[in-house]
Amino acid sequence: MSEELLINISPMESRVAVLDNGILGEIYIERHHKLGLVGNIYLGTVVRVLPGMQAAFVDIGQSRTAFLHVNDMQREPRPVAEKNKAAKATKHEINEDDATTNAAADSLAVTPPIVSAQSTEIVPASKTLIQHRLHESQRILVQVTKDQLGSKGARLTTNISLPSRYLVYLPSSDHIGISQRIDGEEERSRLKTELSSLMQTVNLKGGLIARTAAERVPVDKLEEDIYYLLQLWRTICARRQEINHHQSSELIYQELSLPLRSIRDLVHADTEKVIIDNTQIYEQVRYFAKEFVPFVYDRIVHYTAEQSLFDVHRVEDDLRDALKRRVDLKSGGYLIIDQTEAMTTIDVNTGSFVGGRSLEDTVYKTNLEATHAIARQLRLRNLGGIIILDFIDMLEQQHKDDVLESLQAQLTQDYAKTKITQVSELGLVEMTRKRTRESLGQQLCEPCSTCQGRGFVKTAETVCFEIFREIMRCARTYNSPKKFTVVAHAAVIDLLLTTESDTVADLEYLL
């Protein structure tokens, strides 16, 4: 499988498209005035503690307070006297490595595991009431795990994780894990052994997870990543100490921009090209790749042609299709995708496909083809949460098993975590897909005011950005005076004259 990354930069947003064999597989959009929060670390302030929900609302300086559940908190620290008593009672059961880990954790302001006075059993955070751990106005170090979705604030955790190219550092854990996508037992064992050895060599306290990209990576590259993560964590700790006396909530660490994140997280050995249409971002990405992802350095290409990069690769057309309710299959069948706040439903239909030898054979072939389309649409539209798949009813159990197996095989390419149930008696397949950011429809559209939210229309902001892209496309294509007349809805014109007036001025200067 060949893969290409297309990075399109405009004054108002950054977009990254992932092409699998020339077909759009995923799209990431980051608007410059509304950057994503996932991965950011804040020194937040507890606004309200809710014992009935075992959760708290935390102010991190955003428009909505963020949500922190007790299960997303570090293990609670023990009082010194109680820890000493527990240590004496269980001294013969605690090995030297555990003691070293706990001491180092204290030195880095990381909470060690709880040790019971009767045994060394770890006490989960969920066993401790949140009202005994947090109080209003308390300052707390948190990381965003989910962006704001609709009316819901961001989701937080106190279990900080710092990703690099090959590893993820967990300052509050002592666990060494390996990505589930790395299958070989020999390779998993090698990574675990080498990471354990490197952590002792560089005196790194905490936990590490080897990412999928770490497979068959030499030990010197892993060591470079560990040094980078260690320095990053020390910088965060120092920054926290600097601003700890401030009253307001503050950002301590901000995740990389979308173009740099895509280089860190999305490129791999099968990535043939990374094509960028902006000179400044091209230089930034090359510098970043040279330092952290050197194997892709020579594959980064600067696109300078007149025609838009996304137009050349038909990404704009695929984006428009991805907002439609109906998805046509090559055989003549089709999918109907309906997204609601509670769940997403996908209905499979034979359409004009008349099939072959029998009705069962027709249904079976349509369902098999649908599994490929469903997996692609889940990634492309970034659909998350509860998803109900309504396949066409099949009589033979072998056909049901084949369809489910095909779906699972297609989902192995998905970066998001998924979980699938068996085919129910009603022919439904229930599944979940981890949701960390808004879906494509939520990013680009809003509920229709005419039909009271039964349908969706593009937001005025999305239409503005389409107008800007069309103006730039026309200016590059036609050698005519750079004067354009825009005829649009009143809401779009108001936005162009107010919020987006700076972008209009930038376009006048550029063109």
Protein backbone atom coordinates (compact mmCIF):
# COMPACT_ATOMS: atom_id res chain seq x y z
CA MET A 1 0.00 0.00 0.00
CA SER A 2 1.42 3.39 -1.05
CA GLU A 3 0.54 6.46 0.96
CA GLU A 4 0.90 10.20 0.44
CA LEU A 5 0.39 13.13 2.81
CA LEU A 6 -0.92 16.38 1.34
CA ILE A 7 -0.52 19.48 3.53
CA ASN A 8 -2.55 22.47 2.40
CA ILE A 9 -1.96 25.81 4.16
CA SER A 10 -4.13 28.90 3.78
CA PRO A 11 -4.40 32.13 5.82
CA MET A 12 -7.39 30.73 7.71
CA GLU A 13 -6.70 27.02 8.22
CA SER A 14 -4.34 24.06 7.83
CA ARG A 15 -5.53 20.82 6.24
CA VAL A 16 -3.79 17.46 6.00
CA ALA A 17 -5.10 14.74 3.68
CA VAL A 18 -3.94 11.12 3.82
CA LEU A 19 -4.17 9.35 0.45
CA ASP A 20 -4.13 5.53 0.32
CA ASN A 21 -3.28 4.48 -3.25
CA GLY A 22 -4.59 7.83 -4.48
CA ILE A 23 -7.87 7.60 -2.51
CA LEU A 24 -8.63 10.00 0.34
CA GLY A 25 -8.54 8.00 3.58
CA GLU A 26 -8.41 10.67 6.28
CA ILE A 27 -8.63 14.44 6.54
CA TYR A 28 -7.48 16.66 9.40
CA ILE A 29 -8.54 20.30 9.63
CA GLU A 30 -7.22 22.89 12.07
CA ARG A 31 -8.54 26.44 11.91
CA HIS A 32 -5.97 28.95 13.05
CA HIS A 33 -8.32 30.86 15.35
CA LYS A 34 -9.62 27.64 16.92
CA LEU A 35 -6.68 25.34 17.56
CA GLY A 36 -7.35 21.89 19.01
CA LEU A 37 -6.69 21.36 22.72
CA VAL A 38 -5.91 17.62 22.80
CA GLY A 39 -2.45 17.07 24.27
CA ASN A 40 -2.19 20.53 25.84
CA ILE A 41 -1.15 20.65 29.51
CA TYR A 42 -2.64 23.30 31.82
CA LEU A 43 -2.30 24.37 35.40
CA GLY A 44 -6.05 24.52 35.99
CA THR A 45 -8.24 25.66 38.86
CA VAL A 46 -10.97 23.44 40.33
CA VAL A 47 -14.26 25.33 40.02
CA ARG A 48 -16.69 22.77 41.38
CA VAL A 49 -16.52 19.25 42.84
CA LEU A 50 -19.50 16.95 42.20
CA PRO A 51 -19.52 14.01 44.69
CA GLY A 52 -22.66 12.55 43.07
CA MET A 53 -20.85 12.19 39.74
CA GLN A 54 -17.38 11.59 41.23
CA ALA A 55 -16.13 14.34 38.93
CA ALA A 56 -15.02 17.95 38.97
CA PHE A 57 -15.19 20.96 36.68
CA VAL A 58 -11.84 22.61 36.09
CA ASP A 59 -11.15 26.05 34.64
CA ILE A 60 -8.35 25.87 32.05
CA GLY A 61 -8.96 29.29 30.53
CA GLN A 62 -11.39 28.17 27.80
CA SER A 63 -14.95 29.29 27.11
CA ARG A 64 -16.32 26.24 28.96
CA THR A 65 -15.02 24.59 32.09
CA ALA A 66 -13.44 21.21 31.46
CA PHE A 67 -14.51 17.88 32.95
CA LEU A 68 -12.33 15.64 35.14
CA HIS A 69 -13.55 12.24 36.33
CA VAL A 70 -12.02 10.44 39.30
CA ASN A 71 -11.03 7.50 37.05
CA ASP A 72 -8.83 9.89 35.04
CA MET A 73 -6.82 10.97 38.08
CA GLN A 74 -3.47 9.80 39.35
CA ARG A 75 -3.36 7.42 42.25
CA GLU A 76 -3.75 9.26 45.53
CA PRO A 77 -0.59 9.94 47.57
CA ARG A 78 -0.39 8.41 51.05
CA PRO A 79 0.41 10.42 54.17
CA VAL A 80 4.07 10.10 55.15
CA ALA A 81 3.37 8.41 58.51
CA GLU A 82 1.00 5.90 56.92
CA LYS A 83 3.45 5.15 54.12
CA ASN A 84 6.24 4.51 56.65
CA LYS A 85 3.98 2.18 58.62
CA ALA A 86 2.98 0.36 55.44
CA ALA A 87 6.60 0.08 54.35
CA LYS A 88 7.60 -1.54 57.68
CA ALA A 89 4.68 -3.95 57.56
CA THR A 90 5.50 -5.11 54.04
CA LYS A 91 9.24 -4.54 53.83
CA HIS A 92 9.92 -8.16 52.91
CA GLU A 93 7.44 -7.95 50.00
CA ILE A 94 8.69 -4.78 48.27
CA ASN A 95 11.60 -5.26 45.89
CA GLU A 96 14.37 -2.75 45.26
CA ASP A 97 13.04 -1.60 41.88
CA ASP A 98 9.68 -0.57 43.36
CA ALA A 99 11.35 1.41 46.13
CA THR A 100 13.58 3.21 43.63
CA THR A 101 10.59 4.06 41.45
CA ASN A 102 8.62 5.54 44.35
CA ALA A 103 11.54 7.64 45.57
CA ALA A 104 12.17 9.02 42.09
CA ALA A 105 8.49 9.72 41.60
CA ASP A 106 8.48 11.87 44.73
CA SER A 107 11.52 13.81 43.48
CA LEU A 108 9.69 14.66 40.22
CA ALA A 109 6.43 15.57 41.97
CA VAL A 110 4.80 12.44 40.57
CA THR A 111 2.36 10.50 42.72
CA PRO A 112 3.50 6.92 43.42
CA PRO A 113 1.13 3.96 43.68
CA ILE A 114 -0.73 3.41 46.96
CA VAL A 115 0.62 0.54 49.03
CA SER A 116 -1.80 -1.04 51.47
CA ALA A 117 -0.67 -1.61 55.07
CA GLN A 118 -1.67 -5.26 54.76
CA SER A 119 -0.27 -6.00 51.31
CA THR A 120 1.41 -4.45 48.30
CA GLU A 121 -1.81 -4.43 46.28
CA ILE A 122 -2.32 -1.30 44.22
CA VAL A 123 -5.46 0.65 45.17
CA PRO A 124 -7.18 2.01 42.04
CA ALA A 125 -8.01 5.72 41.92
CA SER A 126 -11.69 4.85 41.48
CA LYS A 127 -11.73 3.50 45.06
CA THR A 128 -10.99 6.97 46.47
CA LEU A 129 -13.73 9.61 46.64
CA ILE A 130 -13.04 12.73 44.62
CA GLN A 131 -14.32 15.05 47.37
CA HIS A 132 -11.46 13.82 49.55
CA ARG A 133 -8.91 14.58 46.85
CA LEU A 134 -10.02 17.90 45.35
CA HIS A 135 -11.52 21.11 46.67
CA GLU A 136 -12.66 24.35 45.05
CA SER A 137 -9.91 26.82 44.05
CA GLN A 138 -7.28 24.05 44.13
CA ARG A 139 -4.56 24.29 41.46
CA ILE A 140 -4.04 21.06 39.53
CA LEU A 141 -1.89 19.94 36.58
CA VAL A 142 -4.12 18.45 33.86
CA GLN A 143 -3.91 17.37 30.23
CA VAL A 144 -6.70 17.52 27.63
CA THR A 145 -7.74 14.13 26.24
CA LYS A 146 -10.85 15.25 24.32
CA ASP A 147 -11.68 18.56 22.65
CA GLN A 148 -14.86 20.48 23.37
CA LEU A 149 -17.68 18.69 21.54
CA GLY A 150 -20.88 20.67 21.08
CA SER A 151 -22.09 21.87 24.47
CA LYS A 152 -19.65 19.64 26.37
CA GLY A 153 -16.39 21.00 27.72
CA ALA A 154 -13.02 19.38 27.17
CA ARG A 155 -12.21 16.08 28.94
CA LEU A 156 -9.17 16.08 31.24
CA THR A 157 -6.78 13.69 32.93
CA THR A 158 -4.07 14.13 35.55
CA ASN A 159 -2.18 11.16 34.08
CA ILE A 160 0.15 13.19 31.87
CA SER A 161 1.49 11.55 28.69
CA LEU A 162 4.12 13.07 26.39
CA PRO A 163 4.46 11.58 22.88
CA SER A 164 7.54 11.57 20.68
CA ARG A 165 8.13 9.84 17.36
CA TYR A 166 8.69 6.35 18.79
CA LEU A 167 7.66 6.55 22.44
CA VAL A 168 5.10 7.93 24.88
CA TYR A 169 6.39 9.00 28.31
CA LEU A 170 4.13 8.52 31.35
CA PRO A 171 5.63 10.48 34.29
CA SER A 172 3.04 9.17 36.78
CA SER A 173 3.35 5.49 35.87
CA ASP A 174 5.97 2.76 36.20
CA HIS A 175 4.61 0.68 33.32
CA ILE A 176 6.52 -0.28 30.16
CA GLY A 177 4.08 -1.10 27.37
CA ILE A 178 4.25 -2.03 23.70
CA SER A 179 1.78 -1.00 21.00
CA GLN A 180 -0.74 -3.73 20.23
CA ARG A 181 -0.07 -3.19 16.53
CA ILE A 182 3.41 -4.70 17.01
CA ASP A 183 2.61 -8.41 16.70
CA GLY A 184 5.92 -10.27 16.83
CA GLU A 185 6.68 -11.62 20.30
CA GLU A 186 10.42 -11.42 19.66
CA GLU A 187 10.19 -7.74 18.70
CA ARG A 188 7.94 -6.95 21.68
CA SER A 189 10.39 -8.65 24.01
CA ARG A 190 13.33 -6.77 22.46
CA LEU A 191 11.65 -3.39 22.87
CA LYS A 192 10.68 -4.07 26.47
CA THR A 193 14.20 -5.19 27.38
CA GLU A 194 15.89 -2.27 25.66
CA LEU A 195 13.52 0.32 27.12
CA SER A 196 14.06 -1.05 30.63
CA SER A 197 17.81 -0.87 30.15
CA LEU A 198 17.71 2.65 28.68
CA MET A 199 15.52 3.96 31.50
CA GLN A 200 18.10 2.78 34.02
CA THR A 201 20.98 4.20 31.95
CA VAL A 202 19.53 7.71 31.67
CA ASN A 203 17.88 7.55 35.12
CA LEU A 204 14.40 8.13 33.66
CA LYS A 205 11.67 7.64 36.25
CA GLY A 206 8.14 6.91 35.12
CA GLY A 207 6.71 4.69 32.40
CA LEU A 208 7.12 4.31 28.64
CA ILE A 209 4.99 2.98 25.82
CA ALA A 210 6.59 1.99 22.52
CA ARG A 211 4.49 3.30 19.63
CA THR A 212 3.89 1.36 16.43
CA ALA A 213 6.63 3.37 14.70
CA ALA A 214 9.17 1.92 17.18
CA GLU A 215 9.07 -1.51 15.50
CA ARG A 216 12.60 -2.54 14.40
CA VAL A 217 13.98 0.87 15.38
CA PRO A 218 17.61 0.68 16.59
CA VAL A 219 18.36 1.34 20.23
CA ASP A 220 20.21 4.63 19.57
CA LYS A 221 17.03 6.17 18.10
CA LEU A 222 15.03 5.07 21.14
CA GLU A 223 17.66 6.63 23.39
CA GLU A 224 17.40 9.95 21.52
CA ASP A 225 13.65 9.93 22.05
CA ILE A 226 14.06 9.23 25.77
CA TYR A 227 16.47 12.16 26.21
CA TYR A 228 14.04 14.42 24.34
CA LEU A 229 11.10 13.35 26.52
CA LEU A 230 13.11 13.71 29.73
CA GLN A 231 14.11 17.27 28.82
CA LEU A 232 10.53 18.11 27.83
CA TRP A 233 9.19 16.88 31.18
CA ARG A 234 11.83 18.87 33.10
CA THR A 235 10.81 21.98 31.15
CA ILE A 236 7.15 21.42 32.02
CA CYS A 237 7.97 20.96 35.73
CA ALA A 238 10.05 24.15 35.71
CA ARG A 239 7.29 26.06 33.94
CA ARG A 240 4.79 24.86 36.53
CA GLN A 241 6.96 26.15 39.36
CA GLU A 242 7.28 29.54 37.65
CA ILE A 243 3.54 30.16 37.32
CA ASN A 244 2.33 28.31 40.42
CA HIS A 245 1.82 31.57 42.33
CA HIS A 246 -0.44 33.06 39.64
CA GLN A 247 -4.16 33.11 40.29
CA SER A 248 -5.39 32.43 36.76
CA SER A 249 -5.31 29.11 34.91
CA GLU A 250 -2.46 28.97 32.42
CA LEU A 251 -1.22 26.89 29.52
CA ILE A 252 2.03 25.10 30.41
CA TYR A 253 2.63 23.01 27.29
CA GLN A 254 1.01 23.29 23.87
CA GLU A 255 0.84 20.39 21.44
CA LEU A 256 2.54 20.76 18.06
CA SER A 257 0.75 22.38 15.12
CA LEU A 258 -1.17 20.12 12.73
CA PRO A 259 1.56 19.93 10.01
CA LEU A 260 4.24 18.92 12.54
CA ARG A 261 1.89 16.50 14.34
CA SER A 262 1.14 14.81 11.04
CA ILE A 263 4.86 14.27 10.42
CA ARG A 264 5.33 12.86 13.92
CA ASP A 265 2.25 10.64 14.03
CA LEU A 266 1.18 9.76 10.48
CA VAL A 267 4.28 9.11 8.38
CA HIS A 268 5.76 5.61 8.25
CA ALA A 269 7.80 3.38 5.96
CA ASP A 270 4.99 3.20 3.35
CA THR A 271 4.69 6.98 3.08
CA GLU A 272 6.04 7.81 -0.37
CA LYS A 273 5.66 11.58 -0.36
CA VAL A 274 4.76 14.51 1.86
CA ILE A 275 3.60 17.34 -0.41
CA ILE A 276 3.32 20.87 1.05
CA ASP A 277 2.02 23.94 -0.77
CA ASN A 278 3.39 26.62 1.58
CA THR A 279 7.04 27.72 1.61
CA GLN A 280 7.25 28.63 5.30
CA ILE A 281 5.59 25.43 6.51
CA TYR A 282 7.70 23.44 4.05
CA GLU A 283 10.87 24.75 5.71
CA GLN A 284 9.48 24.12 9.21
CA VAL A 285 8.51 20.55 8.36
CA ARG A 286 11.90 19.79 6.77
CA TYR A 287 13.72 21.08 9.84
CA PHE A 288 11.45 19.06 12.15
CA ALA A 289 11.81 15.92 10.01
CA LYS A 290 15.59 16.23 9.92
CA GLU A 291 15.70 16.30 13.72
CA PHE A 292 13.03 13.72 14.59
CA VAL A 293 11.97 11.74 11.48
CA PRO A 294 15.05 11.69 9.23
CA PHE A 295 13.89 8.82 6.99
CA VAL A 296 11.12 10.99 5.53
CA TYR A 297 13.31 14.07 4.97
CA ASP A 298 14.03 13.31 1.29
CA ARG A 299 10.36 12.53 0.62
CA ILE A 300 9.13 16.03 1.49
CA VAL A 301 8.16 17.93 -1.66
CA HIS A 302 7.33 21.61 -2.09
CA TYR A 303 4.30 22.07 -4.36
CA THR A 304 4.54 25.26 -6.43
CA ALA A 305 2.10 24.74 -9.33
CA GLU A 306 -0.71 27.20 -10.01
CA GLN A 307 -3.57 24.74 -9.56
CA SER A 308 -4.63 24.05 -5.98
CA LEU A 309 -2.96 20.99 -4.42
CA PHE A 310 -6.27 19.56 -3.18
CA ASP A 311 -7.89 20.12 -6.58
CA VAL A 312 -5.15 18.17 -8.37
CA HIS A 313 -5.75 15.13 -6.14
CA ARG A 314 -9.58 15.50 -6.07
CA VAL A 315 -9.59 16.03 -2.31
CA GLU A 316 -12.09 18.90 -2.51
CA ASP A 317 -14.56 16.64 -4.37
CA ASP A 318 -14.11 13.85 -1.82
CA LEU A 319 -14.67 16.35 1.00
CA ARG A 320 -17.97 17.45 -0.50
CA ASP A 321 -19.03 13.81 -0.87
CA ALA A 322 -18.05 13.11 2.75
CA LEU A 323 -20.71 15.56 3.93
CA LYS A 324 -23.48 13.76 2.05
CA ARG A 325 -25.85 11.34 3.72
CA ARG A 326 -25.63 8.75 0.95
CA VAL A 327 -22.48 6.86 -0.07
CA ASP A 328 -22.66 4.89 -3.31
CA LEU A 329 -20.91 1.53 -3.69
CA LYS A 330 -19.30 0.44 -6.96
CA SER A 331 -21.68 -2.52 -7.33
CA GLY A 332 -24.76 -0.29 -7.25
CA GLY A 333 -25.52 -0.65 -3.56
CA TYR A 334 -25.27 2.26 -1.15
CA LEU A 335 -24.92 3.31 2.48
CA ILE A 336 -27.08 5.77 4.41
CA ILE A 337 -25.18 7.46 7.25
CA ASP A 338 -27.09 9.37 9.95
CA GLN A 339 -25.20 11.05 12.77
CA THR A 340 -27.04 12.14 15.93
CA GLU A 341 -25.86 13.26 19.35
CA ALA A 342 -26.55 9.82 20.85
CA MET A 343 -25.10 7.59 18.13
CA THR A 344 -24.36 7.12 14.43
CA THR A 345 -26.31 4.64 12.32
CA ILE A 346 -25.15 3.18 8.99
CA ASP A 347 -27.70 1.35 6.85
CA VAL A 348 -26.58 -0.96 4.01
CA ASN A 349 -28.82 -1.32 0.93
CA THR A 350 -28.49 -3.35 -2.29
CA GLY A 351 -29.77 -0.47 -4.44
CA SER A 352 -29.46 -1.29 -8.16
CA PHE A 353 -27.20 -4.30 -7.56
CA VAL A 354 -29.11 -7.40 -8.76
CA GLY A 355 -26.31 -9.80 -7.85
CA GLY A 356 -25.61 -13.27 -9.05
CA ARG A 357 -26.91 -16.75 -8.36
CA SER A 358 -29.30 -16.08 -5.47
CA LEU A 359 -30.62 -13.44 -3.07
CA GLU A 360 -28.31 -14.70 -0.32
CA ASP A 361 -25.33 -14.36 -2.65
CA THR A 362 -26.37 -10.81 -3.62
CA VAL A 363 -26.76 -9.79 0.02
CA TYR A 364 -23.46 -11.39 0.99
CA LYS A 365 -21.48 -9.61 -1.74
CA THR A 366 -23.11 -6.25 -0.93
CA ASN A 367 -22.32 -6.59 2.78
CA LEU A 368 -18.71 -7.54 2.06
CA GLU A 369 -18.27 -4.52 -0.18
CA ALA A 370 -19.94 -2.34 2.46
CA THR A 371 -17.35 -3.27 5.10
CA HIS A 372 -14.62 -1.59 3.04
CA ALA A 373 -16.72 1.54 2.53
CA ILE A 374 -17.78 1.69 6.20
CA ALA A 375 -14.20 1.50 7.48
CA ARG A 376 -13.15 4.27 5.09
CA GLN A 377 -16.10 6.51 5.98
CA LEU A 378 -15.48 6.12 9.72
CA ARG A 379 -11.94 7.42 9.25
CA LEU A 380 -12.77 10.06 6.67
CA ARG A 381 -15.72 11.52 8.59
CA ASN A 382 -14.06 10.85 11.98
CA LEU A 383 -17.23 9.29 13.35
CA GLY A 384 -16.95 8.30 17.01
CA GLY A 385 -18.93 7.10 19.99
CA ILE A 386 -21.61 4.41 19.56
CA ILE A 387 -22.09 3.25 15.95
CA ILE A 388 -24.86 0.87 14.80
CA LEU A 389 -24.28 -0.99 11.52
CA ASP A 390 -27.43 -2.34 9.87
CA PHE A 391 -26.20 -4.92 7.38
CA ILE A 392 -28.67 -6.61 5.06
CA ASP A 393 -30.01 -9.77 6.72
CA MET A 394 -28.02 -12.93 5.92
CA LEU A 395 -29.22 -16.48 6.52
CA GLU A 396 -25.96 -18.43 6.53
CA GLN A 397 -23.78 -18.17 9.64
CA GLN A 398 -20.60 -18.47 7.57
CA HIS A 399 -21.58 -15.36 5.63
CA LYS A 400 -22.15 -13.44 8.88
CA ASP A 401 -18.74 -14.52 10.16
CA ASP A 402 -17.05 -13.54 6.89
CA VAL A 403 -18.62 -10.06 6.93
CA LEU A 404 -17.60 -9.49 10.55
CA GLU A 405 -14.06 -10.71 9.84
CA SER A 406 -13.80 -8.42 6.82
CA LEU A 407 -14.94 -5.44 8.90
CA GLN A 408 -12.39 -6.19 11.62
CA ALA A 409 -9.63 -6.54 9.03
CA GLN A 410 -10.47 -3.16 7.49
CA LEU A 411 -10.52 -1.45 10.89
CA THR A 412 -6.95 -2.53 11.63
CA GLN A 413 -5.83 0.46 9.53
CA ASP A 414 -7.73 2.84 11.80
CA TYR A 415 -5.64 4.89 14.24
CA ALA A 416 -8.62 5.28 16.60
CA LYS A 417 -9.42 2.48 19.03
CA THR A 418 -12.49 0.44 18.01
CA LYS A 419 -14.53 -2.34 19.59
CA ILE A 420 -17.00 -4.55 17.70
CA THR A 421 -19.76 -6.91 18.89
CA GLN A 422 -21.08 -10.01 17.12
CA VAL A 423 -23.97 -9.83 14.65
CA SER A 424 -27.18 -9.65 16.71
CA GLU A 425 -30.41 -11.53 16.06
CA LEU A 426 -31.70 -8.46 14.26
CA GLY A 427 -28.69 -8.41 11.95
CA LEU A 428 -27.15 -5.38 13.66
CA VAL A 429 -23.50 -4.90 14.58
CA GLU A 430 -22.79 -2.58 17.48
CA MET A 431 -19.39 -0.95 17.70
CA THR A 432 -17.62 1.94 19.38
CA ARG A 433 -14.85 4.17 18.05
CA LYS A 434 -12.81 6.44 20.28
CA ARG A 435 -13.75 10.08 19.82
CA THR A 436 -11.20 12.80 20.67
CA ARG A 437 -12.24 15.59 18.31
CA GLU A 438 -15.26 16.77 16.36
CA SER A 439 -16.41 14.80 13.35
CA LEU A 440 -16.00 16.28 9.88
CA GLY A 441 -19.67 17.23 9.78
CA GLN A 442 -19.48 18.94 13.17
CA GLN A 443 -16.40 20.90 12.08
CA LEU A 444 -17.80 22.15 8.79
CA CYS A 445 -21.57 22.26 9.32
CA GLU A 446 -24.28 23.40 11.73
CA PRO A 447 -27.93 22.38 12.33
CA CYS A 448 -30.33 23.79 9.76
CA SER A 449 -32.51 26.55 11.23
CA THR A 450 -35.29 26.00 8.67
CA CYS A 451 -36.02 22.36 9.55
CA GLN A 452 -35.32 22.77 13.30
CA GLY A 453 -32.10 20.78 13.24
CA ARG A 454 -33.28 17.76 11.24
CA GLY A 455 -30.69 18.57 8.61
CA PHE A 456 -27.33 20.33 8.40
CA VAL A 457 -25.99 23.22 6.37
CA LYS A 458 -22.44 24.52 6.05
CA THR A 459 -21.56 27.17 8.61
CA ALA A 460 -21.04 30.76 7.49
CA GLU A 461 -17.38 30.34 8.43
CA THR A 462 -17.00 27.26 6.19
CA VAL A 463 -18.61 29.15 3.27
CA CYS A 464 -16.25 32.10 3.88
CA PHE A 465 -13.23 29.81 3.67
CA GLU A 466 -14.57 28.24 0.46
CA ILE A 467 -14.93 31.74 -0.99
CA PHE A 468 -11.35 32.56 -0.06
CA ARG A 469 -10.09 29.36 -1.70
CA GLU A 470 -12.11 30.07 -4.85
CA ILE A 471 -10.73 33.61 -5.04
CA MET A 472 -7.16 32.31 -4.75
CA ARG A 473 -7.89 29.62 -7.34
CA CYS A 474 -9.30 32.15 -9.83
CA ALA A 475 -6.47 34.60 -9.22
CA ARG A 476 -3.88 31.94 -10.02
CA THR A 477 -5.76 30.62 -13.05
CA TYR A 478 -6.83 33.77 -14.90
CA ASN A 479 -4.56 36.66 -15.88
CA SER A 480 -7.23 39.25 -15.30
CA PRO A 481 -7.50 42.29 -13.00
CA LYS A 482 -7.64 41.02 -9.41
CA LYS A 483 -11.11 42.35 -8.69
CA PHE A 484 -13.88 40.01 -7.57
CA THR A 485 -17.51 40.44 -6.65
CA VAL A 486 -18.84 38.13 -3.94
CA VAL A 487 -22.58 37.41 -3.85
CA ALA A 488 -23.52 35.47 -0.71
CA HIS A 489 -25.97 35.10 2.16
CA ALA A 490 -26.20 38.03 4.57
CA ALA A 491 -24.62 35.99 7.39
CA VAL A 492 -21.63 35.21 5.18
CA ILE A 493 -21.22 38.86 4.12
CA ASP A 494 -21.40 40.00 7.76
CA LEU A 495 -18.63 37.55 8.67
CA LEU A 496 -16.48 38.72 5.74
CA LEU A 497 -16.83 42.34 6.86
CA THR A 498 -16.23 41.71 10.58
CA THR A 499 -14.45 38.62 11.92
CA GLU A 500 -12.76 37.72 8.62
CA SER A 501 -11.92 41.28 7.57
CA ASP A 502 -8.24 40.68 8.38
CA THR A 503 -8.20 37.66 6.06
CA VAL A 504 -9.82 39.75 3.32
CA ALA A 505 -7.10 42.37 3.78
CA ASP A 506 -4.40 39.66 3.62
CA LEU A 507 -5.87 38.36 0.36
CA GLU A 508 -5.87 41.88 -1.12
CA TYR A 509 -2.20 42.17 -0.24
CA LEU A 510 -1.25 38.70 -1.54
CA LEU A 511 -3.16 38.99 -4.81
